[in-house]
Amino acid sequence: MRKVKILISGRVQGVYFRLFTQNKAKHFAIKGSVKNLPDGRVEIIAEAGSMAIEKFIKWCHKGPITARVDHVEITELQPGELLTSFEIH
């Protein structure tokens, strides 16, 4: 299992980025969460097998067609308690 924090900047709020992210996470069987940050970025916590995480990160560099991704920052996290779903906060 691999767990990462993904910070995405650009035009990523007000364009359904969180909903598209949740749908893509479900597609890749990723558990975690997505939320808007006060500074305009989106934060994703994602946990899954390494191959699924890599595919998900690749998608995050593009995002949905309604968004414009300028920068993606990945931080590796220690897997802790197993997450059970992917939620929008």
Protein backbone atom coordinates (compact mmCIF):
# COMPACT_ATOMS: atom_id res chain seq x y z
CA MET A 1 0.00 0.00 0.00
CA ARG A 2 1.07 3.52 -0.78
CA LYS A 3 -0.34 6.72 0.72
CA VAL A 4 0.28 10.20 -0.68
CA LYS A 5 -0.81 13.78 -0.18
CA ILE A 6 -1.33 15.61 -3.47
CA LEU A 7 -1.57 19.40 -3.58
CA ILE A 8 -2.88 20.82 -6.84
CA SER A 9 -2.83 24.47 -7.82
CA GLY A 10 -4.30 26.31 -10.77
CA ARG A 11 -7.96 26.82 -11.63
CA VAL A 12 -9.11 23.90 -9.49
CA GLN A 13 -11.89 25.34 -7.33
CA GLY A 14 -15.39 26.04 -8.63
CA VAL A 15 -14.91 23.66 -11.58
CA TYR A 16 -16.16 20.39 -9.98
CA PHE A 17 -12.58 19.22 -9.45
CA ARG A 18 -13.47 17.44 -6.20
CA LEU A 19 -16.37 15.51 -7.76
CA PHE A 20 -14.30 14.44 -10.77
CA THR A 21 -11.49 13.45 -8.40
CA GLN A 22 -13.84 11.30 -6.34
CA ASN A 23 -15.11 9.57 -9.48
CA LYS A 24 -11.57 8.93 -10.75
CA ALA A 25 -10.49 7.64 -7.33
CA LYS A 26 -13.39 5.18 -7.32
CA HIS A 27 -12.40 4.08 -10.83
CA PHE A 28 -8.87 3.26 -9.59
CA ALA A 29 -10.12 1.79 -6.26
CA ILE A 30 -8.34 4.54 -4.30
CA LYS A 31 -9.37 5.40 -0.75
CA GLY A 32 -8.92 8.82 0.82
CA SER A 33 -10.34 12.31 0.54
CA VAL A 34 -10.29 15.56 -1.40
CA LYS A 35 -10.91 19.09 -0.13
CA ASN A 36 -10.54 22.71 -1.15
CA LEU A 37 -7.93 24.72 0.74
CA PRO A 38 -8.36 28.40 1.68
CA ASP A 39 -5.40 29.36 -0.56
CA GLY A 40 -7.19 28.11 -3.71
CA ARG A 41 -5.47 24.74 -3.97
CA VAL A 42 -7.03 21.29 -3.73
CA GLU A 43 -5.63 18.72 -1.30
CA ILE A 44 -6.01 15.00 -1.96
CA ILE A 45 -5.10 12.17 0.39
CA ALA A 46 -4.92 8.93 -1.60
CA GLU A 47 -4.17 5.37 -0.55
CA ALA A 48 -3.98 2.32 -2.81
CA GLY A 49 -1.50 0.04 -4.50
CA SER A 50 1.47 1.72 -6.16
CA MET A 51 0.27 1.19 -9.75
CA ALA A 52 -3.17 2.70 -9.01
CA ILE A 53 -1.56 5.67 -7.24
CA GLU A 54 0.73 6.32 -10.23
CA LYS A 55 -2.22 6.31 -12.66
CA PHE A 56 -4.18 8.60 -10.35
CA ILE A 57 -1.25 11.04 -10.02
CA LYS A 58 -0.95 11.12 -13.81
CA TRP A 59 -4.63 12.06 -14.02
CA CYS A 60 -4.14 14.75 -11.36
CA HIS A 61 -1.61 16.51 -13.61
CA LYS A 62 -4.44 17.05 -16.12
CA GLY A 63 -7.59 17.02 -14.00
CA PRO A 64 -11.04 17.41 -15.50
CA ILE A 65 -11.52 19.39 -18.70
CA THR A 66 -13.09 22.24 -16.68
CA ALA A 67 -9.88 22.76 -14.68
CA ARG A 68 -6.41 24.13 -15.38
CA VAL A 69 -3.68 22.41 -13.40
CA ASP A 70 -0.58 24.57 -12.97
CA HIS A 71 1.34 22.61 -10.34
CA VAL A 72 1.14 19.25 -8.57
CA GLU A 73 3.07 18.56 -5.37
CA ILE A 74 3.32 14.99 -4.08
CA THR A 75 4.25 14.08 -0.50
CA GLU A 76 4.66 10.45 0.53
CA LEU A 77 2.83 9.59 3.75
CA GLN A 78 3.12 6.64 6.08
CA PRO A 79 0.18 4.30 5.63
CA GLY A 80 -1.70 4.21 8.91
CA GLU A 81 -5.19 3.05 9.58
CA LEU A 82 -6.74 1.71 6.40
CA LEU A 83 -9.09 4.16 4.74
CA THR A 84 -12.46 2.72 3.73
CA SER A 85 -13.83 5.14 1.12
CA PHE A 86 -13.03 8.26 -0.87
CA GLU A 87 -14.80 11.32 0.50
CA ILE A 88 -15.27 14.95 -0.48
CA HIS A 89 -14.74 17.42 2.37
